[in-house]
Amino acid sequence: MELKTNEVLNYLLAHKDLKIIQRRDMFNFSLDTVLLANFASITRDTHRIIDLGTNNAAIPLLLSKRTKVPVLGIEIQEEAAELAQRNIALNHLEDQITIVCDDMKSYAKSHPKAAKLVICNPPFFKIDEHSNLNDNEYLRIARHEVKITLSEIIETARMLLEYRGRFAMIHRPDRLIDIIELMKHNDIEPKRLRFVYPKIGKDSHMVLVEGVYKGQPGLKIEPPLYAHHEDGTYTEEIRMMFGEKENV
């Protein structure tokens, strides 16, 4: 496959059977992408998964290592959606993964109750007078609530979910109260919560949350997830998520 001048081709972590094209001027997948793809619950009744704001389709590609369930990635930026489609074709996953270039809010209104699992790695930052917005439009949209707010994302998930469907997301701990309040407002009952830490002794810098639409109350706080050892190397749990074999 011929690459454009601003593109790079990499293996998808340690998965030597998966490759991904990324653009230097666009948002590239990172640890939060991997954590979310591994955290979301895929149950027996999961017949379709929707990834909101799929970007270059890293999450659908990672999910293909866990399940054969059809995955739909929604991306509002045309060039990112085109890159996602190329990544799906590159890995010959057209029969499992579909990419749609659309505003997720519009898609949800026209496709209600379309999935049993909805996943989102959203823009982390609000826009206010203190926001340091990136001049690069691709990165600005990926990192800040330019095109969609946290409230709109959770409302979109609610519209897309079937009864007792699951919604999983990753965010910053300082938005956790907002997330829980918005989920409950949209009848998505928080069921699982896991804090992620850069290493032991440091404050949590990410939080994974999963809720069930029309679910019963009852929140499980899962064990802490540490990303790095003291020497800066990844922990065994993270390496396993990367597709590395144990004790390698």
Protein backbone atom coordinates (compact mmCIF):
# COMPACT_ATOMS: atom_id res chain seq x y z
CA MET A 1 0.00 0.00 0.00
CA GLU A 2 1.38 3.37 -1.01
CA LEU A 3 1.63 5.92 1.79
CA LYS A 4 1.24 9.66 1.52
CA THR A 5 4.10 11.92 2.56
CA ASN A 6 2.61 12.70 5.99
CA GLU A 7 1.71 9.08 6.84
CA VAL A 8 3.47 6.28 8.71
CA LEU A 9 2.69 2.56 8.76
CA ASN A 10 3.09 0.66 12.03
CA TYR A 11 2.20 -2.68 13.52
CA LEU A 12 -0.71 -2.28 15.91
CA LEU A 13 1.26 -2.71 19.14
CA ALA A 14 2.58 -6.30 19.39
CA HIS A 15 -0.12 -7.64 17.06
CA LYS A 16 2.01 -8.52 14.05
CA ASP A 17 -1.11 -9.48 12.07
CA LEU A 18 -2.55 -5.97 12.37
CA LYS A 19 -1.16 -2.79 10.85
CA ILE A 20 -2.29 0.80 11.12
CA ILE A 21 -1.65 3.89 9.03
CA GLN A 22 -1.36 7.10 11.05
CA ARG A 23 -0.89 10.68 10.01
CA ARG A 24 1.68 12.87 11.69
CA ASP A 25 -0.74 15.82 11.78
CA MET A 26 -3.68 13.85 13.20
CA PHE A 27 -4.50 12.37 16.58
CA ASN A 28 -2.67 9.05 16.96
CA PHE A 29 -3.87 6.28 19.22
CA SER A 30 -2.30 6.08 22.67
CA LEU A 31 -2.60 4.19 25.94
CA ASP A 32 -6.14 5.39 26.64
CA THR A 33 -7.26 3.82 23.34
CA VAL A 34 -5.81 0.45 24.32
CA LEU A 35 -7.23 0.59 27.85
CA LEU A 36 -10.75 1.31 26.62
CA ALA A 37 -10.68 -1.40 23.94
CA ASN A 38 -9.74 -3.93 26.63
CA PHE A 39 -12.06 -2.60 29.36
CA ALA A 40 -15.41 -2.65 27.53
CA SER A 41 -17.55 -5.71 28.28
CA ILE A 42 -18.37 -7.94 25.32
CA THR A 43 -21.10 -10.33 26.45
CA ARG A 44 -23.01 -13.18 24.81
CA ASP A 45 -25.80 -10.85 23.72
CA THR A 46 -23.42 -8.27 22.19
CA HIS A 47 -24.42 -8.44 18.54
CA ARG A 48 -23.16 -5.03 17.42
CA ILE A 49 -20.62 -2.51 18.74
CA ILE A 50 -20.47 1.20 17.90
CA ASP A 51 -17.33 3.28 18.44
CA LEU A 52 -18.09 7.00 18.68
CA GLY A 53 -15.38 9.24 17.22
CA THR A 54 -13.38 6.34 15.84
CA ASN A 55 -10.64 8.52 14.28
CA ASN A 56 -8.28 6.12 12.44
CA ALA A 57 -10.20 3.03 13.67
CA ALA A 58 -7.66 1.91 16.28
CA ILE A 59 -10.40 0.80 18.69
CA PRO A 60 -12.32 -1.28 16.09
CA LEU A 61 -9.03 -2.89 15.04
CA LEU A 62 -8.18 -3.76 18.63
CA LEU A 63 -11.69 -5.09 19.22
CA SER A 64 -11.23 -7.45 16.27
CA LYS A 65 -8.68 -9.30 18.44
CA ARG A 66 -11.37 -9.88 21.10
CA THR A 67 -14.50 -10.64 19.08
CA LYS A 68 -15.98 -11.31 15.66
CA VAL A 69 -19.03 -9.15 16.44
CA PRO A 70 -19.68 -6.43 13.80
CA VAL A 71 -18.22 -3.04 14.74
CA LEU A 72 -19.30 0.34 13.39
CA GLY A 73 -16.98 3.32 13.72
CA ILE A 74 -18.48 6.82 13.45
CA GLU A 75 -16.17 9.72 12.58
CA ILE A 76 -17.16 13.31 11.75
CA GLN A 77 -13.85 14.36 10.13
CA GLU A 78 -13.78 13.26 6.49
CA GLU A 79 -10.03 12.73 6.22
CA ALA A 80 -9.94 10.74 9.47
CA ALA A 81 -12.85 8.58 8.28
CA GLU A 82 -11.07 7.97 4.98
CA LEU A 83 -7.95 6.92 6.87
CA ALA A 84 -10.04 4.60 9.05
CA GLN A 85 -11.52 2.96 5.95
CA ARG A 86 -8.04 2.42 4.53
CA ASN A 87 -6.95 0.80 7.80
CA ILE A 88 -9.91 -1.57 7.69
CA ALA A 89 -9.09 -2.52 4.10
CA LEU A 90 -5.39 -2.88 4.90
CA ASN A 91 -6.26 -5.52 7.50
CA HIS A 92 -8.96 -7.20 5.37
CA LEU A 93 -11.63 -6.58 8.01
CA GLU A 94 -14.34 -5.14 5.74
CA ASP A 95 -16.69 -8.01 6.66
CA GLN A 96 -16.54 -7.09 10.36
CA ILE A 97 -15.83 -3.35 10.59
CA THR A 98 -17.72 -0.51 8.90
CA ILE A 99 -16.81 3.17 8.98
CA VAL A 100 -19.41 5.94 8.66
CA CYS A 101 -18.50 9.59 8.17
CA ASP A 102 -21.23 11.43 10.06
CA ASP A 103 -22.03 13.53 13.10
CA MET A 104 -22.67 10.98 15.86
CA LYS A 105 -25.66 12.96 17.10
CA SER A 106 -27.32 12.85 13.69
CA TYR A 107 -26.52 9.18 13.25
CA ALA A 108 -28.05 8.31 16.62
CA LYS A 109 -31.27 10.14 15.81
CA SER A 110 -31.71 8.18 12.59
CA HIS A 111 -30.49 4.83 14.01
CA PRO A 112 -31.98 4.50 17.52
CA LYS A 113 -31.33 1.37 19.55
CA ALA A 114 -28.69 0.22 17.06
CA ALA A 115 -26.18 -1.49 19.36
CA LYS A 116 -25.68 -3.51 22.51
CA LEU A 117 -22.33 -1.88 23.24
CA VAL A 118 -21.29 1.74 22.61
CA ILE A 119 -17.69 2.84 23.21
CA CYS A 120 -16.22 6.33 23.26
CA ASN A 121 -12.77 7.80 23.85
CA PRO A 122 -13.97 11.42 23.88
CA PRO A 123 -12.29 14.82 23.78
CA PHE A 124 -11.09 15.33 27.35
CA PHE A 125 -11.10 19.11 27.61
CA LYS A 126 -13.88 21.66 27.93
CA ILE A 127 -13.67 24.91 26.01
CA ASP A 128 -13.53 28.07 28.10
CA GLU A 129 -11.54 31.27 28.33
CA HIS A 130 -8.57 29.32 29.70
CA SER A 131 -8.50 26.71 26.93
CA ASN A 132 -5.22 26.36 25.06
CA LEU A 133 -6.59 25.29 21.68
CA ASN A 134 -4.30 23.64 19.17
CA ASP A 135 -3.90 25.41 15.84
CA ASN A 136 -4.20 22.04 14.12
CA GLU A 137 -7.92 21.49 13.49
CA TYR A 138 -7.66 17.68 13.62
CA LEU A 139 -6.02 17.75 17.05
CA ARG A 140 -8.27 20.52 18.31
CA ILE A 141 -11.40 18.48 17.55
CA ALA A 142 -9.90 15.29 18.99
CA ARG A 143 -8.79 16.87 22.28
CA HIS A 144 -11.37 19.59 23.00
CA GLU A 145 -15.16 19.65 23.07
CA VAL A 146 -15.36 21.59 19.80
CA LYS A 147 -17.81 19.42 17.85
CA ILE A 148 -19.51 17.70 20.77
CA THR A 149 -19.73 18.00 24.55
CA LEU A 150 -19.59 15.30 27.21
CA SER A 151 -23.31 15.74 27.77
CA GLU A 152 -24.05 15.22 24.07
CA ILE A 153 -21.83 12.14 23.89
CA ILE A 154 -23.66 10.41 26.73
CA GLU A 155 -27.05 11.42 25.31
CA THR A 156 -25.95 10.00 21.95
CA ALA A 157 -24.94 6.73 23.61
CA ARG A 158 -28.32 6.50 25.29
CA MET A 159 -30.12 6.89 21.95
CA LEU A 160 -27.97 4.20 20.34
CA LEU A 161 -28.26 1.64 23.12
CA GLU A 162 -30.73 -1.19 23.20
CA TYR A 163 -32.39 -2.11 26.49
CA ARG A 164 -29.68 -3.25 28.93
CA GLY A 165 -26.99 -2.25 26.46
CA ARG A 166 -23.61 -1.11 27.76
CA PHE A 167 -21.74 2.19 27.39
CA ALA A 168 -18.01 2.31 28.10
CA MET A 169 -15.73 5.33 28.09
CA ILE A 170 -12.41 6.63 29.38
CA HIS A 171 -11.87 10.13 30.72
CA ARG A 172 -10.03 12.22 33.26
CA PRO A 173 -10.85 11.68 36.96
CA ASP A 174 -11.69 15.37 37.41
CA ARG A 175 -14.73 14.83 35.13
CA LEU A 176 -15.96 11.74 36.99
CA ILE A 177 -18.77 13.47 38.89
CA ASP A 178 -20.03 15.01 35.64
CA ILE A 179 -19.88 11.60 33.94
CA ILE A 180 -21.84 9.81 36.64
CA GLU A 181 -24.48 12.54 36.86
CA LEU A 182 -24.92 12.63 33.07
CA MET A 183 -25.09 8.86 32.81
CA LYS A 184 -27.78 8.64 35.47
CA HIS A 185 -29.67 11.51 33.85
CA ASN A 186 -29.75 9.44 30.66
CA ASP A 187 -30.84 6.22 32.44
CA ILE A 188 -27.38 4.68 32.05
CA GLU A 189 -26.59 3.16 35.43
CA PRO A 190 -22.84 3.18 36.27
CA LYS A 191 -21.81 -0.42 36.94
CA ARG A 192 -18.01 -0.61 36.65
CA LEU A 193 -15.30 1.88 37.54
CA ARG A 194 -11.53 1.49 37.31
CA PHE A 195 -8.93 4.14 38.07
CA VAL A 196 -5.71 4.17 36.04
CA TYR A 197 -2.44 5.38 37.55
CA PRO A 198 0.85 6.21 35.79
CA LYS A 199 2.65 4.24 38.54
CA ILE A 200 2.32 3.33 42.22
CA GLY A 201 2.36 6.42 44.44
CA LYS A 202 1.06 8.78 41.75
CA ASP A 203 -2.42 10.29 41.42
CA SER A 204 -4.84 8.68 39.00
CA HIS A 205 -4.72 10.31 35.55
CA MET A 206 -7.46 8.32 33.79
CA VAL A 207 -10.67 6.57 34.75
CA LEU A 208 -12.59 3.84 32.93
CA VAL A 209 -16.37 3.82 33.36
CA GLU A 210 -19.03 1.43 32.10
CA GLY A 211 -22.79 1.67 32.58
CA VAL A 212 -25.91 -0.23 31.58
CA TYR A 213 -28.91 1.42 29.96
CA LYS A 214 -31.93 0.85 32.22
CA GLY A 215 -29.67 -1.17 34.52
CA GLN A 216 -30.15 -1.81 38.21
CA PRO A 217 -28.14 0.22 40.76
CA GLY A 218 -24.89 -1.29 41.97
CA LEU A 219 -21.41 0.05 41.20
CA LYS A 220 -18.29 -2.14 41.28
CA ILE A 221 -14.95 -0.40 41.89
CA GLU A 222 -12.35 -2.58 40.20
CA PRO A 223 -8.70 -2.89 41.33
CA PRO A 224 -6.39 -0.02 40.36
CA LEU A 225 -4.56 -0.31 37.05
CA TYR A 226 -0.93 0.79 37.06
CA ALA A 227 0.58 1.65 33.69
CA HIS A 228 4.29 1.69 34.54
CA HIS A 229 6.80 0.19 36.93
CA GLU A 230 9.06 2.49 38.92
CA ASP A 231 11.71 2.25 36.19
CA GLY A 232 9.23 3.49 33.56
CA THR A 233 8.63 0.15 31.81
CA TYR A 234 5.08 -1.00 31.21
CA THR A 235 3.51 -3.33 33.76
CA GLU A 236 2.70 -6.91 32.83
CA GLU A 237 -1.03 -6.16 32.62
CA ILE A 238 -0.45 -3.35 30.15
CA ARG A 239 1.94 -5.47 28.09
CA MET A 240 -0.69 -8.18 27.85
CA MET A 241 -3.15 -5.58 26.53
CA PHE A 242 -0.55 -4.66 23.93
CA GLY A 243 -0.63 -8.23 22.69
CA GLU A 244 2.67 -9.30 24.23
CA LYS A 245 2.96 -12.81 25.60
CA GLU A 246 3.39 -13.31 29.31
CA ASN A 247 6.98 -13.39 30.58
CA VAL A 248 8.34 -12.14 27.26
